Amino acid sequence: MHGGKDNYTYLTTAPIRRVIPTMAVPTIVGMLVTSLYVIADTFFVGQLDTQSTAAVGVVFPLMFFMQAFGFFFGHGSGNYISRELATPAAWPQMGSFFHSLRD
C-alpha cells in the first residue's frame, strides 16, 4: 500500500495528495461492491413481480443508511480510541477496556 513504512510515518511524512486517496480507496471499493450488488439484486428481483421490486426499492435505502451509520461510528470510535491511547493518563483505563474484550 505505501512501500512498507509504518502508518504513523506514512501519515505524517507523505504528501496529503497521496495519503487521502490511499486511505479512501478501501471505503470507495466497498461502497461500489455494495452498489453493484444492489443493481444485480434489483435486476433478479425485478423478474419476479412489481411488488418485489417495490420492496427492494424501500429496503435498499435503509441498507445504505445502516452502512453509513456503521462507517460513521466505526471511523469515529477508531479516532477516539487512537486519541485516548496517545494520552498516557488514559492507558490504565484503556488497558482494562481492551483486557475486558479479550476475556
N, C-alpha and C. Protein backbone atom coordinates (compact mmCIF):
# COMPACT_ATOMS: atom_id res chain seq x y z
N MET A 1 0.83 -1.19 0.00
CA MET A 1 0.00 0.00 0.00
C MET A 1 0.87 1.25 0.00
N HIS A 2 1.83 1.33 0.91
CA HIS A 2 2.66 2.52 0.95
C HIS A 2 4.12 2.17 1.19
N GLY A 3 4.59 1.17 0.51
CA GLY A 3 6.01 0.87 0.47
C GLY A 3 6.64 0.35 1.74
N GLY A 4 5.91 -0.31 2.63
CA GLY A 4 6.47 -0.92 3.81
C GLY A 4 6.71 0.01 4.99
N LYS A 5 6.38 1.29 4.86
CA LYS A 5 6.52 2.20 6.00
C LYS A 5 5.41 1.90 7.01
N ASP A 6 5.67 2.23 8.26
CA ASP A 6 4.58 2.10 9.22
C ASP A 6 3.57 3.23 8.99
N ASN A 7 2.37 3.05 9.45
CA ASN A 7 1.29 4.00 9.18
C ASN A 7 1.58 5.39 9.72
N TYR A 8 2.16 5.47 10.92
CA TYR A 8 2.43 6.78 11.51
C TYR A 8 3.39 7.58 10.63
N THR A 9 4.47 6.95 10.21
CA THR A 9 5.44 7.63 9.35
C THR A 9 4.80 8.03 8.03
N TYR A 10 4.02 7.12 7.47
CA TYR A 10 3.37 7.41 6.19
C TYR A 10 2.40 8.58 6.32
N LEU A 11 1.57 8.56 7.37
CA LEU A 11 0.56 9.62 7.52
C LEU A 11 1.17 10.97 7.87
N THR A 12 2.32 10.99 8.51
CA THR A 12 2.91 12.26 8.92
C THR A 12 3.93 12.81 7.94
N THR A 13 4.46 11.99 7.04
CA THR A 13 5.50 12.48 6.13
C THR A 13 5.09 12.50 4.66
N ALA A 14 4.16 11.67 4.27
CA ALA A 14 3.77 11.60 2.86
C ALA A 14 2.95 12.82 2.47
N PRO A 15 2.99 13.19 1.20
CA PRO A 15 2.16 14.31 0.73
C PRO A 15 0.68 13.99 0.89
N ILE A 16 -0.09 14.98 1.30
CA ILE A 16 -1.52 14.78 1.57
C ILE A 16 -2.27 14.33 0.32
N ARG A 17 -1.80 14.76 -0.84
CA ARG A 17 -2.45 14.35 -2.10
C ARG A 17 -2.31 12.86 -2.36
N ARG A 18 -1.35 12.21 -1.73
CA ARG A 18 -1.21 10.77 -1.87
C ARG A 18 -1.86 10.03 -0.72
N VAL A 19 -1.88 10.62 0.48
CA VAL A 19 -2.42 9.95 1.66
C VAL A 19 -3.93 9.79 1.57
N ILE A 20 -4.64 10.85 1.20
CA ILE A 20 -6.11 10.80 1.19
C ILE A 20 -6.63 9.74 0.22
N PRO A 21 -6.17 9.71 -1.04
CA PRO A 21 -6.67 8.62 -1.91
C PRO A 21 -6.31 7.22 -1.39
N THR A 22 -5.12 7.08 -0.81
CA THR A 22 -4.71 5.77 -0.31
C THR A 22 -5.63 5.30 0.82
N MET A 23 -6.05 6.22 1.67
CA MET A 23 -6.93 5.85 2.77
C MET A 23 -8.40 5.74 2.35
N ALA A 24 -8.78 6.44 1.28
CA ALA A 24 -10.18 6.46 0.86
C ALA A 24 -10.54 5.29 -0.05
N VAL A 25 -9.57 4.72 -0.74
CA VAL A 25 -9.86 3.68 -1.74
C VAL A 25 -10.59 2.47 -1.14
N PRO A 26 -10.20 1.92 0.03
CA PRO A 26 -10.94 0.76 0.54
C PRO A 26 -12.43 1.04 0.78
N THR A 27 -12.77 2.22 1.31
CA THR A 27 -14.17 2.56 1.54
C THR A 27 -14.91 2.72 0.22
N ILE A 28 -14.26 3.35 -0.75
CA ILE A 28 -14.88 3.54 -2.06
C ILE A 28 -15.15 2.20 -2.73
N VAL A 29 -14.19 1.30 -2.67
CA VAL A 29 -14.36 -0.03 -3.27
C VAL A 29 -15.50 -0.78 -2.58
N GLY A 30 -15.57 -0.71 -1.26
CA GLY A 30 -16.65 -1.37 -0.54
C GLY A 30 -18.02 -0.85 -0.93
N MET A 31 -18.13 0.46 -1.08
CA MET A 31 -19.43 1.03 -1.47
C MET A 31 -19.77 0.69 -2.93
N LEU A 32 -18.76 0.63 -3.80
CA LEU A 32 -19.02 0.23 -5.19
C LEU A 32 -19.49 -1.22 -5.28
N VAL A 33 -18.89 -2.09 -4.49
CA VAL A 33 -19.32 -3.50 -4.49
C VAL A 33 -20.75 -3.61 -3.99
N THR A 34 -21.07 -2.84 -2.95
CA THR A 34 -22.44 -2.85 -2.44
C THR A 34 -23.42 -2.34 -3.50
N SER A 35 -23.03 -1.30 -4.23
CA SER A 35 -23.90 -0.76 -5.28
C SER A 35 -24.10 -1.77 -6.41
N LEU A 36 -23.03 -2.47 -6.78
CA LEU A 36 -23.18 -3.50 -7.82
C LEU A 36 -24.09 -4.63 -7.34
N TYR A 37 -23.99 -4.97 -6.07
CA TYR A 37 -24.89 -5.98 -5.50
C TYR A 37 -26.34 -5.52 -5.60
N VAL A 38 -26.57 -4.25 -5.30
CA VAL A 38 -27.93 -3.71 -5.35
C VAL A 38 -28.47 -3.77 -6.78
N ILE A 39 -27.64 -3.40 -7.73
CA ILE A 39 -28.08 -3.42 -9.14
C ILE A 39 -28.41 -4.84 -9.57
N ALA A 40 -27.54 -5.79 -9.26
CA ALA A 40 -27.79 -7.18 -9.64
C ALA A 40 -29.02 -7.74 -8.93
N ASP A 41 -29.16 -7.43 -7.66
CA ASP A 41 -30.30 -7.92 -6.90
C ASP A 41 -31.61 -7.34 -7.43
N THR A 42 -31.59 -6.06 -7.75
CA THR A 42 -32.80 -5.42 -8.29
C THR A 42 -33.18 -6.04 -9.63
N PHE A 43 -32.19 -6.36 -10.45
CA PHE A 43 -32.48 -6.99 -11.74
C PHE A 43 -33.18 -8.34 -11.54
N PHE A 44 -32.62 -9.18 -10.66
CA PHE A 44 -33.19 -10.51 -10.49
C PHE A 44 -34.52 -10.47 -9.76
N VAL A 45 -34.66 -9.59 -8.79
CA VAL A 45 -35.94 -9.48 -8.09
C VAL A 45 -36.99 -8.88 -9.02
N GLY A 46 -36.56 -7.98 -9.90
CA GLY A 46 -37.48 -7.38 -10.86
C GLY A 46 -38.09 -8.39 -11.82
N GLN A 47 -37.47 -9.53 -11.97
CA GLN A 47 -38.00 -10.58 -12.83
C GLN A 47 -39.22 -11.26 -12.19
N LEU A 48 -39.39 -11.10 -10.88
CA LEU A 48 -40.49 -11.75 -10.17
C LEU A 48 -41.81 -11.01 -10.39
N ASP A 49 -41.93 -9.85 -9.76
CA ASP A 49 -43.14 -9.05 -9.93
C ASP A 49 -42.89 -7.62 -9.44
N THR A 50 -43.89 -6.78 -9.60
CA THR A 50 -43.75 -5.37 -9.28
C THR A 50 -43.64 -5.14 -7.78
N GLN A 51 -44.38 -5.89 -6.99
CA GLN A 51 -44.32 -5.71 -5.55
C GLN A 51 -42.93 -6.03 -4.99
N SER A 52 -42.29 -7.03 -5.52
CA SER A 52 -40.94 -7.37 -5.07
C SER A 52 -39.96 -6.25 -5.40
N THR A 53 -40.08 -5.68 -6.58
CA THR A 53 -39.23 -4.56 -6.96
C THR A 53 -39.47 -3.36 -6.04
N ALA A 54 -40.72 -3.11 -5.68
CA ALA A 54 -41.04 -2.02 -4.76
C ALA A 54 -40.43 -2.28 -3.39
N ALA A 55 -40.47 -3.54 -2.94
CA ALA A 55 -39.89 -3.87 -1.64
C ALA A 55 -38.38 -3.64 -1.65
N VAL A 56 -37.72 -3.99 -2.74
CA VAL A 56 -36.28 -3.75 -2.86
C VAL A 56 -36.01 -2.25 -2.84
N GLY A 57 -36.86 -1.49 -3.51
CA GLY A 57 -36.69 -0.03 -3.54
C GLY A 57 -36.85 0.60 -2.17
N VAL A 58 -37.62 -0.01 -1.29
CA VAL A 58 -37.79 0.51 0.07
C VAL A 58 -36.65 0.06 0.98
N VAL A 59 -36.21 -1.18 0.83
CA VAL A 59 -35.24 -1.75 1.76
C VAL A 59 -33.81 -1.26 1.50
N PHE A 60 -33.43 -1.10 0.24
CA PHE A 60 -32.03 -0.76 -0.02
C PHE A 60 -31.61 0.62 0.46
N PRO A 61 -32.44 1.65 0.41
CA PRO A 61 -32.01 2.90 1.05
C PRO A 61 -31.78 2.74 2.56
N LEU A 62 -32.57 1.88 3.19
CA LEU A 62 -32.33 1.60 4.61
C LEU A 62 -30.99 0.90 4.81
N MET A 63 -30.64 0.02 3.89
CA MET A 63 -29.36 -0.67 3.98
C MET A 63 -28.20 0.33 3.82
N PHE A 64 -28.34 1.26 2.88
CA PHE A 64 -27.30 2.27 2.72
C PHE A 64 -27.20 3.15 3.95
N PHE A 65 -28.32 3.47 4.58
CA PHE A 65 -28.30 4.25 5.81
C PHE A 65 -27.56 3.51 6.91
N MET A 66 -27.84 2.22 7.04
CA MET A 66 -27.16 1.43 8.07
C MET A 66 -25.66 1.34 7.78
N GLN A 67 -25.29 1.23 6.51
CA GLN A 67 -23.87 1.20 6.15
C GLN A 67 -23.20 2.53 6.50
N ALA A 68 -23.84 3.64 6.18
CA ALA A 68 -23.29 4.95 6.52
C ALA A 68 -23.19 5.12 8.03
N PHE A 69 -24.19 4.64 8.75
CA PHE A 69 -24.19 4.69 10.21
C PHE A 69 -23.00 3.91 10.77
N GLY A 70 -22.76 2.72 10.22
CA GLY A 70 -21.63 1.91 10.65
C GLY A 70 -20.30 2.56 10.33
N PHE A 71 -20.16 3.16 9.15
CA PHE A 71 -18.93 3.89 8.81
C PHE A 71 -18.72 5.04 9.78
N PHE A 72 -19.79 5.77 10.08
CA PHE A 72 -19.70 6.93 10.96
C PHE A 72 -19.17 6.54 12.33
N PHE A 73 -19.80 5.54 12.94
CA PHE A 73 -19.38 5.15 14.28
C PHE A 73 -18.09 4.35 14.26
N GLY A 74 -17.85 3.59 13.21
CA GLY A 74 -16.60 2.84 13.12
C GLY A 74 -15.40 3.74 13.02
N HIS A 75 -15.46 4.72 12.14
CA HIS A 75 -14.34 5.65 11.99
C HIS A 75 -14.23 6.56 13.20
N GLY A 76 -15.35 6.99 13.73
CA GLY A 76 -15.33 7.88 14.89
C GLY A 76 -14.77 7.20 16.12
N SER A 77 -15.17 5.95 16.37
CA SER A 77 -14.66 5.26 17.55
C SER A 77 -13.18 4.93 17.39
N GLY A 78 -12.76 4.60 16.17
CA GLY A 78 -11.33 4.36 15.94
C GLY A 78 -10.51 5.61 16.19
N ASN A 79 -11.03 6.74 15.77
CA ASN A 79 -10.36 8.02 16.01
C ASN A 79 -10.29 8.31 17.51
N TYR A 80 -11.39 8.10 18.21
CA TYR A 80 -11.43 8.36 19.66
C TYR A 80 -10.45 7.47 20.41
N ILE A 81 -10.43 6.18 20.08
CA ILE A 81 -9.53 5.26 20.77
C ILE A 81 -8.08 5.62 20.48
N SER A 82 -7.77 6.03 19.25
CA SER A 82 -6.40 6.44 18.92
C SER A 82 -5.98 7.65 19.73
N ARG A 83 -6.87 8.62 19.85
CA ARG A 83 -6.52 9.81 20.63
C ARG A 83 -6.38 9.48 22.11
N GLU A 84 -7.21 8.59 22.61
CA GLU A 84 -7.11 8.21 24.02
C GLU A 84 -5.81 7.44 24.29
N LEU A 85 -5.41 6.60 23.37
CA LEU A 85 -4.18 5.85 23.56
C LEU A 85 -2.95 6.75 23.49
N ALA A 86 -3.09 7.92 22.88
CA ALA A 86 -1.97 8.86 22.79
C ALA A 86 -1.73 9.59 24.10
N THR A 87 -2.68 9.60 25.01
CA THR A 87 -2.50 10.28 26.30
C THR A 87 -2.15 9.24 27.35
N PRO A 88 -0.97 9.36 27.96
CA PRO A 88 -0.54 8.34 28.95
C PRO A 88 -1.49 8.21 30.14
N ALA A 89 -2.21 9.27 30.49
CA ALA A 89 -3.12 9.20 31.63
C ALA A 89 -4.26 8.21 31.39
N ALA A 90 -4.61 7.98 30.13
CA ALA A 90 -5.74 7.11 29.80
C ALA A 90 -5.33 5.65 29.65
N TRP A 91 -4.03 5.35 29.70
CA TRP A 91 -3.60 3.98 29.47
C TRP A 91 -4.17 2.97 30.44
N PRO A 92 -4.23 3.24 31.73
CA PRO A 92 -4.81 2.21 32.63
C PRO A 92 -6.27 1.91 32.30
N GLN A 93 -7.07 2.93 32.01
CA GLN A 93 -8.48 2.70 31.70
C GLN A 93 -8.63 1.96 30.37
N MET A 94 -7.86 2.38 29.37
CA MET A 94 -7.97 1.73 28.06
C MET A 94 -7.44 0.30 28.13
N GLY A 95 -6.41 0.09 28.93
CA GLY A 95 -5.87 -1.26 29.09
C GLY A 95 -6.91 -2.20 29.66
N SER A 96 -7.65 -1.74 30.67
CA SER A 96 -8.68 -2.59 31.25
C SER A 96 -9.82 -2.80 30.26
N PHE A 97 -10.09 -1.80 29.42
CA PHE A 97 -11.12 -1.95 28.39
C PHE A 97 -10.73 -3.04 27.40
N PHE A 98 -9.48 -2.98 26.88
CA PHE A 98 -9.05 -3.98 25.92
C PHE A 98 -8.90 -5.35 26.58
N HIS A 99 -8.52 -5.38 27.86
CA HIS A 99 -8.45 -6.65 28.57
C HIS A 99 -9.83 -7.28 28.69
N SER A 100 -10.86 -6.44 28.91
CA SER A 100 -12.22 -6.98 29.02
C SER A 100 -12.69 -7.53 27.68
N LEU A 101 -12.22 -6.97 26.57
CA LEU A 101 -12.59 -7.52 25.26
C LEU A 101 -11.95 -8.87 25.03
N ARG A 102 -10.77 -9.07 25.55
CA ARG A 102 -10.06 -10.33 25.35
C ARG A 102 -10.70 -11.45 26.12
N ASP A 103 -11.26 -11.18 27.29
CA ASP A 103 -11.85 -12.23 28.14
C ASP A 103 -13.15 -12.75 27.64
